[in-house]
Amino acid sequence: MGRSTPQLEFRWPAWFRALRPPVPLKIKPVREDGGLTAWCAEAAADLSLPELARKVRVSWNPRMQTTAGRAWWPDRSIELNPKLRECGPEELWRTLKHELAHLVAYERGRRRRYIEPHGLEWQTACADLGIAGEQPFHTLPFKRRRMKRNHAYICPNCFTTIHRVKPIQRSVACYDCCRKHNHGTYHDRFRLMKTSPADGDASTR
């Protein structure tokens, strides 16, 4: 938990923006799958969700390593791990329906401020798509990329040590201590302090 840092916003006149060279578009490492997209569109239409049926897109993302699939809202897009092709058609369709269920749940509840990612709305959508009782996380044998956590931070109050892959760039406090002693809001008393990774104790997380 941390405090937001004030930022300056510059507004350029329209005539100056016209003189700036165009920014090259980043090419996303994804390939749309027309067949899977068509199936999702038909499934959404059957559930009386025309906007989702019109906008949903399914693509393969070769950058995905350990995640089987990912759903993006409000883009209404689904990304799948190409390794699913090696796991058999049943795993592919289960993962596709799992991710589509997220979009169905968000589509149905888009007027609400927040819904649980794997809450009742998602579970209902899974049942509607034929995968009732679906688990929130997959157990597919995807190898995880091991990344060294070379940055360690310690809470000066409870002495919990937190190891990070990247250094913390802003003021961050111990969540447990803030929740227990300061009603869940940030306080400098619990601000995490840089320490040596070798100094960590058994209370790491």
N, C-alpha and C. Protein backbone atom coordinates (compact mmCIF):
# COMPACT_ATOMS: atom_id res chain seq x y z
N MET A 1 0.85 -1.20 0.00
CA MET A 1 0.00 0.00 0.00
C MET A 1 0.88 1.24 0.00
N GLY A 2 0.56 2.21 -0.74
CA GLY A 2 1.40 3.39 -0.78
C GLY A 2 0.60 4.62 -1.14
N ARG A 3 1.25 5.76 -1.00
CA ARG A 3 0.59 7.01 -1.34
C ARG A 3 0.88 7.38 -2.77
N SER A 4 -0.11 7.90 -3.45
CA SER A 4 0.09 8.31 -4.83
C SER A 4 0.95 9.56 -4.88
N THR A 5 1.82 9.63 -5.90
CA THR A 5 2.72 10.76 -6.05
C THR A 5 2.11 11.77 -7.00
N PRO A 6 2.05 13.05 -6.63
CA PRO A 6 1.47 14.07 -7.53
C PRO A 6 2.22 14.10 -8.85
N GLN A 7 1.51 14.25 -9.93
CA GLN A 7 2.11 14.29 -11.24
C GLN A 7 1.71 15.56 -11.95
N LEU A 8 2.61 16.06 -12.78
CA LEU A 8 2.32 17.24 -13.58
C LEU A 8 1.79 16.81 -14.93
N GLU A 9 0.80 17.46 -15.41
CA GLU A 9 0.20 17.15 -16.70
C GLU A 9 0.38 18.35 -17.63
N PHE A 10 0.97 18.10 -18.79
CA PHE A 10 1.20 19.15 -19.77
C PHE A 10 0.20 19.01 -20.91
N ARG A 11 -0.43 20.08 -21.27
CA ARG A 11 -1.38 20.07 -22.38
C ARG A 11 -0.79 20.89 -23.52
N TRP A 12 -0.57 20.24 -24.65
CA TRP A 12 0.07 20.91 -25.78
C TRP A 12 -1.00 21.48 -26.71
N PRO A 13 -0.76 22.66 -27.28
CA PRO A 13 -1.70 23.22 -28.26
C PRO A 13 -1.83 22.30 -29.47
N ALA A 14 -2.97 22.34 -30.12
CA ALA A 14 -3.22 21.45 -31.25
C ALA A 14 -2.21 21.67 -32.36
N TRP A 15 -1.80 22.96 -32.56
CA TRP A 15 -0.87 23.22 -33.66
C TRP A 15 0.49 22.60 -33.40
N PHE A 16 0.88 22.47 -32.12
CA PHE A 16 2.18 21.89 -31.82
C PHE A 16 2.13 20.36 -31.99
N ARG A 17 0.99 19.76 -31.63
CA ARG A 17 0.87 18.32 -31.78
C ARG A 17 0.98 17.93 -33.25
N ALA A 18 0.52 18.81 -34.13
CA ALA A 18 0.55 18.49 -35.55
C ALA A 18 1.96 18.41 -36.09
N LEU A 19 2.91 19.09 -35.42
CA LEU A 19 4.30 19.10 -35.88
C LEU A 19 5.09 17.91 -35.38
N ARG A 20 4.54 17.20 -34.41
CA ARG A 20 5.27 16.07 -33.85
C ARG A 20 5.20 14.88 -34.79
N PRO A 21 6.30 14.11 -34.92
CA PRO A 21 6.28 12.95 -35.81
C PRO A 21 5.36 11.88 -35.24
N PRO A 22 4.73 11.08 -36.08
CA PRO A 22 3.82 10.04 -35.60
C PRO A 22 4.56 9.00 -34.77
N VAL A 23 3.92 8.53 -33.72
CA VAL A 23 4.53 7.50 -32.87
C VAL A 23 4.29 6.15 -33.51
N PRO A 24 5.35 5.36 -33.72
CA PRO A 24 5.17 4.04 -34.35
C PRO A 24 4.33 3.14 -33.45
N LEU A 25 3.41 2.42 -34.06
CA LEU A 25 2.57 1.51 -33.31
C LEU A 25 3.34 0.27 -32.93
N LYS A 26 3.10 -0.20 -31.70
CA LYS A 26 3.72 -1.43 -31.24
C LYS A 26 2.96 -2.63 -31.81
N ILE A 27 3.68 -3.56 -32.33
CA ILE A 27 3.06 -4.75 -32.88
C ILE A 27 2.87 -5.77 -31.76
N LYS A 28 1.62 -6.12 -31.50
CA LYS A 28 1.35 -7.07 -30.44
C LYS A 28 1.66 -8.49 -30.91
N PRO A 29 2.33 -9.26 -30.05
CA PRO A 29 2.70 -10.62 -30.44
C PRO A 29 1.53 -11.59 -30.32
N VAL A 30 0.42 -11.28 -30.97
CA VAL A 30 -0.75 -12.14 -30.89
C VAL A 30 -1.27 -12.43 -32.28
N ARG A 31 -1.92 -13.57 -32.44
CA ARG A 31 -2.52 -13.95 -33.71
C ARG A 31 -3.96 -14.34 -33.45
N GLU A 32 -4.89 -13.65 -34.09
CA GLU A 32 -6.30 -13.95 -33.87
C GLU A 32 -6.68 -15.29 -34.47
N ASP A 33 -7.51 -16.02 -33.75
CA ASP A 33 -8.01 -17.30 -34.21
C ASP A 33 -9.46 -17.11 -34.63
N GLY A 34 -9.69 -17.11 -35.94
CA GLY A 34 -11.02 -16.85 -36.45
C GLY A 34 -12.05 -17.87 -36.02
N GLY A 35 -11.66 -19.15 -35.97
CA GLY A 35 -12.58 -20.19 -35.60
C GLY A 35 -13.04 -20.09 -34.15
N LEU A 36 -12.10 -19.87 -33.24
CA LEU A 36 -12.44 -19.74 -31.82
C LEU A 36 -13.21 -18.45 -31.57
N THR A 37 -12.85 -17.40 -32.30
CA THR A 37 -13.58 -16.14 -32.16
C THR A 37 -15.04 -16.32 -32.57
N ALA A 38 -15.25 -17.02 -33.68
CA ALA A 38 -16.61 -17.25 -34.16
C ALA A 38 -17.42 -18.07 -33.16
N TRP A 39 -16.77 -19.05 -32.54
CA TRP A 39 -17.48 -19.88 -31.55
C TRP A 39 -17.90 -19.04 -30.35
N CYS A 40 -16.99 -18.19 -29.87
CA CYS A 40 -17.30 -17.33 -28.72
C CYS A 40 -18.41 -16.34 -29.06
N ALA A 41 -18.38 -15.82 -30.28
CA ALA A 41 -19.42 -14.89 -30.70
C ALA A 41 -20.78 -15.57 -30.72
N GLU A 42 -20.82 -16.81 -31.20
CA GLU A 42 -22.08 -17.55 -31.24
C GLU A 42 -22.56 -17.87 -29.84
N ALA A 43 -21.61 -18.25 -28.94
CA ALA A 43 -21.99 -18.56 -27.56
C ALA A 43 -22.53 -17.33 -26.86
N ALA A 44 -21.91 -16.17 -27.09
CA ALA A 44 -22.38 -14.93 -26.48
C ALA A 44 -23.77 -14.56 -27.01
N ALA A 45 -24.00 -14.77 -28.30
CA ALA A 45 -25.30 -14.47 -28.88
C ALA A 45 -26.38 -15.38 -28.28
N ASP A 46 -26.03 -16.64 -28.05
CA ASP A 46 -26.99 -17.58 -27.44
C ASP A 46 -27.35 -17.17 -26.02
N LEU A 47 -26.44 -16.42 -25.36
CA LEU A 47 -26.70 -15.95 -24.00
C LEU A 47 -27.31 -14.56 -23.99
N SER A 48 -27.74 -14.10 -25.17
CA SER A 48 -28.39 -12.79 -25.31
C SER A 48 -27.47 -11.64 -24.91
N LEU A 49 -26.22 -11.73 -25.37
CA LEU A 49 -25.23 -10.68 -25.11
C LEU A 49 -24.70 -10.19 -26.46
N PRO A 50 -25.46 -9.38 -27.19
CA PRO A 50 -25.08 -8.97 -28.55
C PRO A 50 -23.81 -8.15 -28.63
N GLU A 51 -23.58 -7.29 -27.65
CA GLU A 51 -22.36 -6.47 -27.68
C GLU A 51 -21.11 -7.33 -27.54
N LEU A 52 -21.17 -8.30 -26.66
CA LEU A 52 -20.04 -9.22 -26.50
C LEU A 52 -19.87 -10.06 -27.76
N ALA A 53 -20.97 -10.51 -28.34
CA ALA A 53 -20.90 -11.31 -29.56
C ALA A 53 -20.25 -10.53 -30.70
N ARG A 54 -20.49 -9.24 -30.74
CA ARG A 54 -19.94 -8.41 -31.82
C ARG A 54 -18.47 -8.09 -31.64
N LYS A 55 -18.03 -7.95 -30.38
CA LYS A 55 -16.67 -7.46 -30.13
C LYS A 55 -15.66 -8.51 -29.67
N VAL A 56 -16.12 -9.68 -29.26
CA VAL A 56 -15.19 -10.65 -28.69
C VAL A 56 -14.15 -11.09 -29.73
N ARG A 57 -12.92 -11.25 -29.28
CA ARG A 57 -11.83 -11.70 -30.13
C ARG A 57 -10.98 -12.71 -29.34
N VAL A 58 -10.53 -13.76 -30.01
CA VAL A 58 -9.67 -14.77 -29.40
C VAL A 58 -8.37 -14.83 -30.16
N SER A 59 -7.25 -14.80 -29.46
CA SER A 59 -5.95 -14.82 -30.12
C SER A 59 -4.97 -15.68 -29.33
N TRP A 60 -3.89 -16.08 -29.99
CA TRP A 60 -2.81 -16.85 -29.37
C TRP A 60 -1.66 -15.91 -29.07
N ASN A 61 -1.18 -15.95 -27.84
CA ASN A 61 -0.09 -15.07 -27.43
C ASN A 61 1.14 -15.91 -27.06
N PRO A 62 2.17 -15.94 -27.90
CA PRO A 62 3.36 -16.76 -27.63
C PRO A 62 4.18 -16.29 -26.45
N ARG A 63 3.90 -15.08 -25.94
CA ARG A 63 4.65 -14.59 -24.79
C ARG A 63 4.18 -15.20 -23.47
N MET A 64 3.01 -15.79 -23.47
CA MET A 64 2.49 -16.38 -22.25
C MET A 64 3.29 -17.64 -21.92
N GLN A 65 3.72 -17.74 -20.68
CA GLN A 65 4.56 -18.86 -20.26
C GLN A 65 3.84 -19.82 -19.32
N THR A 66 3.31 -19.30 -18.23
CA THR A 66 2.71 -20.16 -17.21
C THR A 66 1.19 -20.02 -17.15
N THR A 67 0.64 -18.96 -17.73
CA THR A 67 -0.80 -18.74 -17.71
C THR A 67 -1.44 -19.42 -18.90
N ALA A 68 -2.52 -20.16 -18.66
CA ALA A 68 -3.20 -20.88 -19.74
C ALA A 68 -4.00 -19.93 -20.61
N GLY A 69 -4.68 -18.98 -19.98
CA GLY A 69 -5.49 -18.04 -20.74
C GLY A 69 -5.70 -16.76 -19.96
N ARG A 70 -6.17 -15.73 -20.66
CA ARG A 70 -6.36 -14.43 -20.03
C ARG A 70 -7.50 -13.72 -20.73
N ALA A 71 -8.39 -13.10 -19.95
CA ALA A 71 -9.51 -12.35 -20.51
C ALA A 71 -9.33 -10.88 -20.22
N TRP A 72 -9.58 -10.03 -21.22
CA TRP A 72 -9.40 -8.59 -21.06
C TRP A 72 -10.75 -7.88 -21.20
N TRP A 73 -11.03 -7.07 -20.21
CA TRP A 73 -12.25 -6.25 -20.22
C TRP A 73 -11.85 -4.79 -20.02
N PRO A 74 -12.41 -3.82 -20.72
CA PRO A 74 -13.57 -3.94 -21.61
C PRO A 74 -13.22 -4.22 -23.07
N ASP A 75 -11.99 -4.65 -23.34
CA ASP A 75 -11.62 -4.96 -24.72
C ASP A 75 -12.42 -6.14 -25.27
N ARG A 76 -12.93 -6.98 -24.34
CA ARG A 76 -13.67 -8.18 -24.72
C ARG A 76 -12.81 -9.10 -25.57
N SER A 77 -11.58 -9.29 -25.13
CA SER A 77 -10.64 -10.15 -25.85
C SER A 77 -10.13 -11.26 -24.95
N ILE A 78 -9.75 -12.35 -25.56
CA ILE A 78 -9.22 -13.51 -24.86
C ILE A 78 -7.88 -13.87 -25.48
N GLU A 79 -6.87 -14.09 -24.64
CA GLU A 79 -5.56 -14.55 -25.10
C GLU A 79 -5.32 -15.94 -24.56
N LEU A 80 -4.82 -16.83 -25.42
CA LEU A 80 -4.56 -18.21 -25.03
C LEU A 80 -3.09 -18.54 -25.20
N ASN A 81 -2.61 -19.41 -24.34
CA ASN A 81 -1.23 -19.88 -24.40
C ASN A 81 -1.12 -20.94 -25.50
N PRO A 82 -0.21 -20.77 -26.47
CA PRO A 82 -0.06 -21.75 -27.55
C PRO A 82 0.24 -23.17 -27.06
N LYS A 83 0.76 -23.30 -25.82
CA LYS A 83 1.05 -24.62 -25.28
C LYS A 83 -0.22 -25.45 -25.07
N LEU A 84 -1.38 -24.78 -25.07
CA LEU A 84 -2.64 -25.51 -24.92
C LEU A 84 -2.85 -26.50 -26.06
N ARG A 85 -2.27 -26.22 -27.20
CA ARG A 85 -2.42 -27.12 -28.35
C ARG A 85 -1.79 -28.48 -28.08
N GLU A 86 -0.85 -28.52 -27.12
CA GLU A 86 -0.18 -29.78 -26.79
C GLU A 86 -0.91 -30.54 -25.69
N CYS A 87 -1.96 -29.96 -25.14
CA CYS A 87 -2.64 -30.56 -23.99
C CYS A 87 -3.93 -31.29 -24.35
N GLY A 88 -4.29 -31.30 -25.60
CA GLY A 88 -5.51 -31.98 -25.99
C GLY A 88 -6.67 -31.01 -26.13
N PRO A 89 -7.64 -31.34 -26.98
CA PRO A 89 -8.77 -30.43 -27.25
C PRO A 89 -9.63 -30.14 -26.03
N GLU A 90 -9.76 -31.11 -25.11
CA GLU A 90 -10.61 -30.87 -23.94
C GLU A 90 -10.08 -29.75 -23.06
N GLU A 91 -8.74 -29.68 -22.92
CA GLU A 91 -8.14 -28.61 -22.11
C GLU A 91 -8.27 -27.27 -22.81
N LEU A 92 -8.12 -27.27 -24.12
CA LEU A 92 -8.27 -26.03 -24.89
C LEU A 92 -9.67 -25.46 -24.73
N TRP A 93 -10.69 -26.30 -24.90
CA TRP A 93 -12.06 -25.81 -24.83
C TRP A 93 -12.43 -25.43 -23.41
N ARG A 94 -11.93 -26.17 -22.44
CA ARG A 94 -12.22 -25.80 -21.05
C ARG A 94 -11.63 -24.45 -20.73
N THR A 95 -10.38 -24.20 -21.16
CA THR A 95 -9.74 -22.91 -20.91
C THR A 95 -10.46 -21.78 -21.64
N LEU A 96 -10.85 -22.03 -22.88
CA LEU A 96 -11.56 -21.01 -23.65
C LEU A 96 -12.88 -20.64 -22.96
N LYS A 97 -13.63 -21.64 -22.51
CA LYS A 97 -14.89 -21.37 -21.82
C LYS A 97 -14.66 -20.68 -20.48
N HIS A 98 -13.57 -21.05 -19.80
CA HIS A 98 -13.21 -20.41 -18.53
C HIS A 98 -13.02 -18.91 -18.73
N GLU A 99 -12.26 -18.56 -19.77
CA GLU A 99 -11.99 -17.14 -20.02
C GLU A 99 -13.21 -16.42 -20.57
N LEU A 100 -13.97 -17.09 -21.42
CA LEU A 100 -15.18 -16.47 -21.93
C LEU A 100 -16.17 -16.20 -20.80
N ALA A 101 -16.18 -17.08 -19.80
CA ALA A 101 -17.07 -16.89 -18.65
C ALA A 101 -16.75 -15.59 -17.93
N HIS A 102 -15.47 -15.19 -17.89
CA HIS A 102 -15.11 -13.91 -17.29
C HIS A 102 -15.76 -12.77 -18.06
N LEU A 103 -15.68 -12.83 -19.39
CA LEU A 103 -16.28 -11.76 -20.19
C LEU A 103 -17.79 -11.74 -20.07
N VAL A 104 -18.40 -12.92 -19.99
CA VAL A 104 -19.85 -13.00 -19.81
C VAL A 104 -20.24 -12.38 -18.48
N ALA A 105 -19.47 -12.71 -17.43
CA ALA A 105 -19.78 -12.17 -16.09
C ALA A 105 -19.64 -10.65 -16.07
N TYR A 106 -18.58 -10.12 -16.69
CA TYR A 106 -18.39 -8.67 -16.71
C TYR A 106 -19.46 -8.00 -17.57
N GLU A 107 -19.83 -8.66 -18.69
CA GLU A 107 -20.85 -8.09 -19.57
C GLU A 107 -22.19 -7.98 -18.84
N ARG A 108 -22.52 -9.01 -18.11
CA ARG A 108 -23.78 -9.01 -17.38
C ARG A 108 -23.77 -8.01 -16.21
N GLY A 109 -22.62 -7.82 -15.62
CA GLY A 109 -22.55 -6.95 -14.45
C GLY A 109 -21.83 -5.65 -14.68
N ARG A 110 -21.77 -5.18 -15.93
CA ARG A 110 -20.96 -4.00 -16.24
C ARG A 110 -21.51 -2.71 -15.63
N ARG A 111 -22.77 -2.71 -15.21
CA ARG A 111 -23.32 -1.52 -14.57
C ARG A 111 -22.97 -1.47 -13.09
N ARG A 112 -22.39 -2.55 -12.59
CA ARG A 112 -21.98 -2.56 -11.20
C ARG A 112 -20.53 -2.11 -11.10
N ARG A 113 -20.16 -1.56 -9.94
CA ARG A 113 -18.80 -1.07 -9.77
C ARG A 113 -17.78 -2.18 -9.77
N TYR A 114 -18.12 -3.30 -9.14
CA TYR A 114 -17.12 -4.35 -8.99
C TYR A 114 -17.79 -5.71 -8.83
N ILE A 115 -17.22 -6.73 -9.46
CA ILE A 115 -17.65 -8.09 -9.22
C ILE A 115 -16.40 -8.94 -8.98
N GLU A 116 -16.53 -9.96 -8.19
CA GLU A 116 -15.40 -10.83 -7.89
C GLU A 116 -14.98 -11.57 -9.16
N PRO A 117 -13.67 -11.64 -9.44
CA PRO A 117 -13.20 -12.32 -10.66
C PRO A 117 -13.70 -13.76 -10.78
N HIS A 118 -13.72 -14.48 -9.66
CA HIS A 118 -14.20 -15.87 -9.68
C HIS A 118 -15.39 -16.04 -8.72
N GLY A 119 -16.21 -15.00 -8.65
CA GLY A 119 -17.36 -15.02 -7.76
C GLY A 119 -18.58 -15.69 -8.37
N LEU A 120 -19.74 -15.40 -7.80
CA LEU A 120 -20.98 -16.05 -8.21
C LEU A 120 -21.30 -15.77 -9.68
N GLU A 121 -21.02 -14.55 -10.14
CA GLU A 121 -21.33 -14.20 -11.53
C GLU A 121 -20.52 -15.07 -12.50
N TRP A 122 -19.25 -15.24 -12.17
CA TRP A 122 -18.38 -16.08 -13.02
C TRP A 122 -18.80 -17.53 -12.95
N GLN A 123 -19.12 -18.02 -11.76
CA GLN A 123 -19.55 -19.40 -11.61
C GLN A 123 -20.84 -19.67 -12.39
N THR A 124 -21.77 -18.71 -12.37
CA THR A 124 -23.00 -18.86 -13.13
C THR A 124 -22.71 -18.89 -14.62
N ALA A 125 -21.79 -18.04 -15.07
CA ALA A 125 -21.42 -18.02 -16.49
C ALA A 125 -20.77 -19.34 -16.89
N CYS A 126 -19.95 -19.91 -16.02
CA CYS A 126 -19.33 -21.20 -16.31
C CYS A 126 -20.40 -22.27 -16.50
N ALA A 127 -21.40 -22.28 -15.62
CA ALA A 127 -22.49 -23.25 -15.74
C ALA A 127 -23.24 -23.06 -17.05
N ASP A 128 -23.47 -21.80 -17.44
CA ASP A 128 -24.17 -21.52 -18.69
C ASP A 128 -23.39 -21.99 -19.92
N LEU A 129 -22.05 -22.03 -19.77
CA LEU A 129 -21.19 -22.45 -20.88
C LEU A 129 -20.84 -23.93 -20.83
N GLY A 130 -21.42 -24.64 -19.86
CA GLY A 130 -21.23 -26.09 -19.81
C GLY A 130 -20.05 -26.57 -19.00
N ILE A 131 -19.48 -25.71 -18.14
CA ILE A 131 -18.36 -26.15 -17.29
C ILE A 131 -18.67 -25.82 -15.83
N ALA A 132 -19.84 -26.26 -15.37
CA ALA A 132 -20.23 -26.04 -13.98
C ALA A 132 -19.20 -26.67 -13.05
N GLY A 133 -18.90 -25.97 -11.95
CA GLY A 133 -17.91 -26.47 -11.00
C GLY A 133 -16.47 -26.20 -11.40
N GLU A 134 -16.26 -25.35 -12.39
CA GLU A 134 -14.91 -25.02 -12.85
C GLU A 134 -14.09 -24.39 -11.72
N GLN A 135 -12.82 -24.77 -11.65
CA GLN A 135 -11.93 -24.24 -10.64
C GLN A 135 -11.32 -22.92 -11.11
N PRO A 136 -11.01 -22.00 -10.17
CA PRO A 136 -10.46 -20.70 -10.57
C PRO A 136 -9.12 -20.77 -11.28
N PHE A 137 -8.26 -21.75 -10.90
CA PHE A 137 -6.91 -21.78 -11.45
C PHE A 137 -6.63 -23.14 -12.09
N HIS A 138 -5.81 -23.12 -13.14
CA HIS A 138 -5.52 -24.35 -13.86
C HIS A 138 -4.39 -25.12 -13.18
N THR A 139 -4.30 -26.39 -13.51
CA THR A 139 -3.23 -27.24 -12.96
C THR A 139 -2.43 -27.86 -14.10
N LEU A 140 -2.34 -27.16 -15.22
CA LEU A 140 -1.61 -27.68 -16.37
C LEU A 140 -0.10 -27.63 -16.10
N PRO A 141 0.64 -28.58 -16.67
CA PRO A 141 2.08 -28.67 -16.38
C PRO A 141 2.93 -27.68 -17.17
N PHE A 142 2.64 -26.38 -17.02
CA PHE A 142 3.45 -25.36 -17.69
C PHE A 142 4.63 -25.01 -16.79
N LYS A 143 5.81 -25.03 -17.35
CA LYS A 143 7.00 -24.72 -16.57
C LYS A 143 7.01 -23.25 -16.20
N ARG A 144 7.33 -23.00 -14.95
CA ARG A 144 7.41 -21.62 -14.48
C ARG A 144 8.83 -21.08 -14.67
N ARG A 145 8.92 -19.84 -15.08
CA ARG A 145 10.22 -19.20 -15.24
C ARG A 145 10.69 -18.70 -13.88
N ARG A 146 11.82 -19.18 -13.47
CA ARG A 146 12.35 -18.79 -12.16
C ARG A 146 13.07 -17.45 -12.27
N MET A 147 12.65 -16.51 -11.45
CA MET A 147 13.27 -15.20 -11.44
C MET A 147 13.83 -14.91 -10.05
N LYS A 148 15.06 -14.46 -10.03
CA LYS A 148 15.71 -14.19 -8.76
C LYS A 148 15.13 -12.95 -8.10
N ARG A 149 14.84 -13.06 -6.82
CA ARG A 149 14.34 -11.93 -6.05
C ARG A 149 15.51 -11.31 -5.29
N ASN A 150 16.18 -10.38 -5.94
CA ASN A 150 17.40 -9.80 -5.40
C ASN A 150 17.17 -8.59 -4.51
N HIS A 151 15.92 -8.17 -4.34
CA HIS A 151 15.62 -6.99 -3.54
C HIS A 151 14.76 -7.39 -2.35
N ALA A 152 15.22 -7.04 -1.17
CA ALA A 152 14.51 -7.41 0.05
C ALA A 152 14.14 -6.16 0.84
N TYR A 153 12.95 -6.18 1.44
CA TYR A 153 12.44 -5.07 2.25
C TYR A 153 11.86 -5.64 3.54
N ILE A 154 12.06 -4.92 4.63
CA ILE A 154 11.61 -5.40 5.92
C ILE A 154 10.70 -4.38 6.59
N CYS A 155 9.69 -4.88 7.27
CA CYS A 155 8.79 -4.01 8.02
C CYS A 155 9.43 -3.72 9.38
N PRO A 156 9.61 -2.45 9.76
CA PRO A 156 10.25 -2.12 11.04
C PRO A 156 9.38 -2.46 12.25
N ASN A 157 8.12 -2.84 12.01
CA ASN A 157 7.25 -3.13 13.14
C ASN A 157 7.13 -4.64 13.41
N CYS A 158 6.78 -5.40 12.38
CA CYS A 158 6.62 -6.85 12.57
C CYS A 158 7.80 -7.65 12.05
N PHE A 159 8.75 -6.98 11.39
CA PHE A 159 9.98 -7.58 10.89
C PHE A 159 9.74 -8.64 9.81
N THR A 160 8.60 -8.57 9.16
CA THR A 160 8.36 -9.44 8.01
C THR A 160 9.23 -8.98 6.86
N THR A 161 9.89 -9.91 6.18
CA THR A 161 10.75 -9.59 5.06
C THR A 161 10.06 -9.97 3.76
N ILE A 162 10.04 -9.04 2.82
CA ILE A 162 9.42 -9.26 1.53
C ILE A 162 10.49 -9.19 0.45
N HIS A 163 10.58 -10.22 -0.37
CA HIS A 163 11.56 -10.29 -1.45
C HIS A 163 10.89 -9.93 -2.77
N ARG A 164 11.57 -9.11 -3.54
CA ARG A 164 11.02 -8.62 -4.80
C ARG A 164 12.00 -8.84 -5.95
N VAL A 165 11.43 -9.07 -7.15
CA VAL A 165 12.27 -9.18 -8.34
C VAL A 165 12.79 -7.81 -8.74
N LYS A 166 11.91 -6.80 -8.68
CA LYS A 166 12.28 -5.44 -9.03
C LYS A 166 12.25 -4.55 -7.79
N PRO A 167 13.08 -3.53 -7.76
CA PRO A 167 13.07 -2.64 -6.59
C PRO A 167 11.78 -1.85 -6.49
N ILE A 168 11.38 -1.50 -5.28
CA ILE A 168 10.20 -0.69 -5.05
C ILE A 168 10.55 0.77 -5.34
N GLN A 169 9.75 1.42 -6.17
CA GLN A 169 10.06 2.77 -6.62
C GLN A 169 9.30 3.85 -5.85
N ARG A 170 8.42 3.45 -4.93
CA ARG A 170 7.62 4.44 -4.19
C ARG A 170 7.49 4.01 -2.75
N SER A 171 6.85 4.84 -1.95
CA SER A 171 6.67 4.54 -0.53
C SER A 171 5.62 3.45 -0.37
N VAL A 172 6.04 2.32 0.20
CA VAL A 172 5.14 1.19 0.40
C VAL A 172 5.26 0.74 1.85
N ALA A 173 4.12 0.46 2.46
CA ALA A 173 4.10 0.04 3.86
C ALA A 173 3.62 -1.40 3.97
N CYS A 174 3.89 -2.01 5.10
CA CYS A 174 3.46 -3.38 5.38
C CYS A 174 1.94 -3.42 5.44
N TYR A 175 1.34 -4.22 4.58
CA TYR A 175 -0.12 -4.26 4.51
C TYR A 175 -0.73 -4.79 5.81
N ASP A 176 -0.15 -5.85 6.35
CA ASP A 176 -0.70 -6.46 7.56
C ASP A 176 -0.69 -5.48 8.73
N CYS A 177 0.40 -4.74 8.88
CA CYS A 177 0.49 -3.80 9.99
C CYS A 177 -0.44 -2.60 9.80
N CYS A 178 -0.54 -2.12 8.57
CA CYS A 178 -1.46 -1.00 8.30
C CYS A 178 -2.90 -1.42 8.57
N ARG A 179 -3.22 -2.66 8.20
CA ARG A 179 -4.58 -3.13 8.42
C ARG A 179 -4.86 -3.34 9.91
N LYS A 180 -3.86 -3.80 10.64
CA LYS A 180 -4.05 -4.11 12.06
C LYS A 180 -4.01 -2.88 12.94
N HIS A 181 -3.13 -1.92 12.62
CA HIS A 181 -2.90 -0.80 13.51
C HIS A 181 -3.38 0.55 12.99
N ASN A 182 -3.70 0.64 11.68
CA ASN A 182 -4.07 1.95 11.14
C ASN A 182 -5.28 1.87 10.21
N HIS A 183 -6.20 0.97 10.50
CA HIS A 183 -7.46 0.85 9.76
C HIS A 183 -7.24 0.63 8.26
N GLY A 184 -6.13 0.00 7.89
CA GLY A 184 -5.89 -0.33 6.50
C GLY A 184 -5.33 0.79 5.65
N THR A 185 -4.98 1.92 6.24
CA THR A 185 -4.42 3.03 5.47
C THR A 185 -2.92 3.16 5.73
N TYR A 186 -2.24 3.80 4.79
CA TYR A 186 -0.78 3.91 4.85
C TYR A 186 -0.32 4.73 6.06
N HIS A 187 0.80 4.29 6.66
CA HIS A 187 1.44 5.06 7.73
C HIS A 187 2.95 4.84 7.63
N ASP A 188 3.71 5.94 7.78
CA ASP A 188 5.17 5.87 7.67
C ASP A 188 5.80 4.94 8.70
N ARG A 189 5.11 4.73 9.77
CA ARG A 189 5.63 3.86 10.82
C ARG A 189 5.86 2.43 10.30
N PHE A 190 5.08 2.04 9.30
CA PHE A 190 5.18 0.69 8.77
C PHE A 190 5.79 0.65 7.37
N ARG A 191 6.47 1.72 7.02
CA ARG A 191 7.08 1.79 5.69
C ARG A 191 8.19 0.75 5.55
N LEU A 192 8.16 0.02 4.44
CA LEU A 192 9.15 -1.03 4.21
C LEU A 192 10.53 -0.41 3.98
N MET A 193 11.53 -1.03 4.60
CA MET A 193 12.89 -0.52 4.52
C MET A 193 13.78 -1.51 3.78
N LYS A 194 14.66 -0.98 2.95
CA LYS A 194 15.57 -1.82 2.17
C LYS A 194 16.53 -2.56 3.08
N THR A 195 16.72 -3.85 2.79
CA THR A 195 17.66 -4.65 3.55
C THR A 195 18.35 -5.62 2.61
N SER A 196 19.28 -6.38 3.12
CA SER A 196 19.99 -7.35 2.29
C SER A 196 19.17 -8.62 2.17
N PRO A 197 19.09 -9.22 0.96
CA PRO A 197 18.34 -10.46 0.80
C PRO A 197 18.81 -11.56 1.74
N ALA A 198 20.09 -11.53 2.10
CA ALA A 198 20.64 -12.57 2.98
C ALA A 198 20.17 -12.41 4.40
N ASP A 199 19.61 -11.21 4.74
CA ASP A 199 19.16 -10.97 6.10
C ASP A 199 17.74 -11.46 6.37
N GLY A 200 17.09 -12.01 5.35
CA GLY A 200 15.70 -12.45 5.53
C GLY A 200 15.61 -13.57 6.54
N ASP A 201 14.45 -13.65 7.23
CA ASP A 201 14.26 -14.68 8.22
C ASP A 201 13.12 -15.59 7.79
N ALA A 202 12.63 -16.40 8.69
CA ALA A 202 11.61 -17.38 8.38
C ALA A 202 10.25 -16.76 8.08
N SER A 203 10.10 -15.47 8.29
CA SER A 203 8.81 -14.84 8.11
C SER A 203 8.64 -14.23 6.72
N THR A 204 9.42 -14.72 5.76
CA THR A 204 9.31 -14.20 4.40
C THR A 204 8.01 -14.65 3.76
N ARG A 205 7.57 -13.92 2.70
CA ARG A 205 6.35 -14.30 2.00
C ARG A 205 6.46 -13.94 0.53
